[in-house]
Amino acid sequence: MIFIAVKWRIRPEHADTWLDEVADFTEATRAEPGNLFFDWSRSVDDPTEYVLLEAFTDDGAGPHVSSDHFQHAMRTLGSKVAERPRIVNFQLPQDDWSRLGELQLDD
């Protein structure tokens, strides 16, 4: 799996509507055959920061970046972000989330 985390700093005038503004992009990406998840979260400390966690099958990231909806998003979202997003990505030998072993649950 290719795991990607992207920090997006949004211009303040778009921060409250950001999820609506990326809804079509999000829906189209989630429908891609190689997409495993594509989830946005808003920072509790900074209302202009969103974190996108996404994962693709090993063969799924290339078609995602080449897709029409990705290309459209990259052309149109730039005017709504305050800075170039920051990204980390990893190739992981799994295809889903693992369970946190350190936390013991009460029965």
C-alpha atoms as a PDB file:
ATOM      1  CA  MET A   1       0.000   0.000   0.000  1.00  0.00           C
ATOM      2  CA  ILE A   2       1.109   3.552  -0.684  1.00  0.00           C
ATOM      3  CA  PHE A   3       0.217   5.675   2.359  1.00  0.00           C
ATOM      4  CA  ILE A   4       0.148   9.457   1.964  1.00  0.00           C
ATOM      5  CA  ALA A   5      -0.430  12.235   4.500  1.00  0.00           C
ATOM      6  CA  VAL A   6      -0.853  15.787   3.225  1.00  0.00           C
ATOM      7  CA  LYS A   7      -1.151  18.944   5.361  1.00  0.00           C
ATOM      8  CA  TRP A   8      -3.172  21.646   3.631  1.00  0.00           C
ATOM      9  CA  ARG A   9      -3.154  25.209   4.979  1.00  0.00           C
ATOM     10  CA  ILE A  10      -6.295  26.864   3.633  1.00  0.00           C
ATOM     11  CA  ARG A  11      -6.886  30.583   3.178  1.00  0.00           C
ATOM     12  CA  PRO A  12      -9.114  31.723   6.072  1.00  0.00           C
ATOM     13  CA  GLU A  13     -11.984  32.741   3.775  1.00  0.00           C
ATOM     14  CA  HIS A  14     -12.157  29.144   2.437  1.00  0.00           C
ATOM     15  CA  ALA A  15     -11.464  27.214   5.644  1.00  0.00           C
ATOM     16  CA  ASP A  16     -15.085  26.738   6.697  1.00  0.00           C
ATOM     17  CA  THR A  17     -16.199  25.618   3.227  1.00  0.00           C
ATOM     18  CA  TRP A  18     -13.124  23.550   2.320  1.00  0.00           C
ATOM     19  CA  LEU A  19     -14.778  20.136   2.636  1.00  0.00           C
ATOM     20  CA  ASP A  20     -17.614  21.287   0.378  1.00  0.00           C
ATOM     21  CA  GLU A  21     -15.097  22.670  -2.105  1.00  0.00           C
ATOM     22  CA  VAL A  22     -13.231  19.354  -2.326  1.00  0.00           C
ATOM     23  CA  ALA A  23     -16.325  17.132  -2.163  1.00  0.00           C
ATOM     24  CA  ASP A  24     -16.347  16.198  -5.869  1.00  0.00           C
ATOM     25  CA  PHE A  25     -12.595  15.507  -5.817  1.00  0.00           C
ATOM     26  CA  THR A  26     -12.983  13.399  -2.674  1.00  0.00           C
ATOM     27  CA  GLU A  27     -15.922  11.411  -4.068  1.00  0.00           C
ATOM     28  CA  ALA A  28     -14.172  10.762  -7.398  1.00  0.00           C
ATOM     29  CA  THR A  29     -10.966   9.654  -5.660  1.00  0.00           C
ATOM     30  CA  ARG A  30     -12.806   7.307  -3.308  1.00  0.00           C
ATOM     31  CA  ALA A  31     -14.438   5.699  -6.360  1.00  0.00           C
ATOM     32  CA  GLU A  32     -11.079   4.868  -7.979  1.00  0.00           C
ATOM     33  CA  PRO A  33     -10.387   1.125  -8.117  1.00  0.00           C
ATOM     34  CA  GLY A  34      -6.946   1.567  -6.469  1.00  0.00           C
ATOM     35  CA  ASN A  35      -8.087   3.805  -3.612  1.00  0.00           C
ATOM     36  CA  LEU A  36      -8.117   2.260  -0.137  1.00  0.00           C
ATOM     37  CA  PHE A  37      -9.114   5.394   1.787  1.00  0.00           C
ATOM     38  CA  PHE A  38      -9.180   9.166   1.367  1.00  0.00           C
ATOM     39  CA  ASP A  39     -10.063  10.965   4.615  1.00  0.00           C
ATOM     40  CA  TRP A  40      -9.939  14.636   5.563  1.00  0.00           C
ATOM     41  CA  SER A  41      -9.550  15.922   9.147  1.00  0.00           C
ATOM     42  CA  ARG A  42      -9.538  19.491  10.407  1.00  0.00           C
ATOM     43  CA  SER A  43      -6.989  20.537  13.001  1.00  0.00           C
ATOM     44  CA  VAL A  44      -8.391  21.239  16.457  1.00  0.00           C
ATOM     45  CA  ASP A  45      -5.593  23.793  17.012  1.00  0.00           C
ATOM     46  CA  ASP A  46      -5.637  25.631  13.683  1.00  0.00           C
ATOM     47  CA  PRO A  47      -8.962  25.958  11.827  1.00  0.00           C
ATOM     48  CA  THR A  48      -7.138  26.734   8.577  1.00  0.00           C
ATOM     49  CA  GLU A  49      -5.266  23.419   8.547  1.00  0.00           C
ATOM     50  CA  TYR A  50      -6.638  20.180   7.143  1.00  0.00           C
ATOM     51  CA  VAL A  51      -4.863  16.834   7.029  1.00  0.00           C
ATOM     52  CA  LEU A  52      -5.633  14.397   4.245  1.00  0.00           C
ATOM     53  CA  LEU A  53      -4.825  10.728   4.886  1.00  0.00           C
ATOM     54  CA  GLU A  54      -4.977   8.651   1.752  1.00  0.00           C
ATOM     55  CA  ALA A  55      -3.867   5.223   0.647  1.00  0.00           C
ATOM     56  CA  PHE A  56      -3.737   3.401  -2.641  1.00  0.00           C
ATOM     57  CA  THR A  57      -2.865  -0.071  -3.792  1.00  0.00           C
ATOM     58  CA  ASP A  58       0.684  -0.273  -5.088  1.00  0.00           C
ATOM     59  CA  ASP A  59      -0.631   0.215  -8.624  1.00  0.00           C
ATOM     60  CA  GLY A  60      -3.326   2.761  -7.695  1.00  0.00           C
ATOM     61  CA  ALA A  61      -1.396   5.965  -7.024  1.00  0.00           C
ATOM     62  CA  GLY A  62      -0.197   6.427 -10.607  1.00  0.00           C
ATOM     63  CA  PRO A  63      -3.676   6.360 -12.132  1.00  0.00           C
ATOM     64  CA  HIS A  64      -4.885   8.692  -9.351  1.00  0.00           C
ATOM     65  CA  VAL A  65      -2.312  11.376 -10.198  1.00  0.00           C
ATOM     66  CA  SER A  66      -3.112  10.971 -13.897  1.00  0.00           C
ATOM     67  CA  SER A  67      -6.889  11.157 -13.427  1.00  0.00           C
ATOM     68  CA  ASP A  68      -8.947  14.044 -14.760  1.00  0.00           C
ATOM     69  CA  HIS A  69     -10.345  14.854 -11.297  1.00  0.00           C
ATOM     70  CA  PHE A  70      -6.843  15.038  -9.779  1.00  0.00           C
ATOM     71  CA  GLN A  71      -5.587  17.267 -12.591  1.00  0.00           C
ATOM     72  CA  HIS A  72      -8.667  19.490 -12.263  1.00  0.00           C
ATOM     73  CA  ALA A  73      -8.183  19.779  -8.481  1.00  0.00           C
ATOM     74  CA  MET A  74      -4.535  20.752  -8.880  1.00  0.00           C
ATOM     75  CA  ARG A  75      -5.507  23.479 -11.374  1.00  0.00           C
ATOM     76  CA  THR A  76      -8.364  24.926  -9.323  1.00  0.00           C
ATOM     77  CA  LEU A  77      -7.498  24.538  -5.625  1.00  0.00           C
ATOM     78  CA  GLY A  78      -4.324  26.628  -5.687  1.00  0.00           C
ATOM     79  CA  SER A  79      -6.228  29.885  -5.253  1.00  0.00           C
ATOM     80  CA  LYS A  80      -7.814  28.559  -2.042  1.00  0.00           C
ATOM     81  CA  VAL A  81      -4.700  27.368  -0.231  1.00  0.00           C
ATOM     82  CA  ALA A  82      -2.355  29.614   1.716  1.00  0.00           C
ATOM     83  CA  GLU A  83       0.825  27.658   0.922  1.00  0.00           C
ATOM     84  CA  ARG A  84       2.001  24.623  -1.010  1.00  0.00           C
ATOM     85  CA  PRO A  85       0.778  21.544   0.897  1.00  0.00           C
ATOM     86  CA  ARG A  86       3.292  19.475   2.844  1.00  0.00           C
ATOM     87  CA  ILE A  87       3.372  15.736   2.164  1.00  0.00           C
ATOM     88  CA  VAL A  88       4.845  12.483   3.407  1.00  0.00           C
ATOM     89  CA  ASN A  89       4.370   9.148   1.710  1.00  0.00           C
ATOM     90  CA  PHE A  90       5.458   5.610   2.374  1.00  0.00           C
ATOM     91  CA  GLN A  91       5.224   2.245   0.709  1.00  0.00           C
ATOM     92  CA  LEU A  92       3.940  -0.177   3.349  1.00  0.00           C
ATOM     93  CA  PRO A  93       3.694  -3.979   3.228  1.00  0.00           C
ATOM     94  CA  GLN A  94      -0.008  -4.053   4.165  1.00  0.00           C
ATOM     95  CA  ASP A  95      -3.341  -3.147   2.610  1.00  0.00           C
ATOM     96  CA  ASP A  96      -5.323  -1.784   5.571  1.00  0.00           C
ATOM     97  CA  TRP A  97      -4.978  -0.217   9.012  1.00  0.00           C
ATOM     98  CA  SER A  98      -3.331  -2.317  11.724  1.00  0.00           C
ATOM     99  CA  ARG A  99      -4.721  -2.509  15.259  1.00  0.00           C
ATOM    100  CA  LEU A 100      -2.870  -0.649  18.030  1.00  0.00           C
ATOM    101  CA  GLY A 101      -1.387  -3.463  20.108  1.00  0.00           C
ATOM    102  CA  GLU A 102      -0.391  -1.321  23.096  1.00  0.00           C
ATOM    103  CA  LEU A 103      -3.970  -0.446  24.053  1.00  0.00           C
ATOM    104  CA  GLN A 104      -5.775  -3.035  26.115  1.00  0.00           C
ATOM    105  CA  LEU A 105      -9.564  -2.962  25.995  1.00  0.00           C
ATOM    106  CA  ASP A 106     -11.754  -3.794  28.967  1.00  0.00           C
ATOM    107  CA  ASP A 107     -14.049  -6.730  28.352  1.00  0.00           C
END
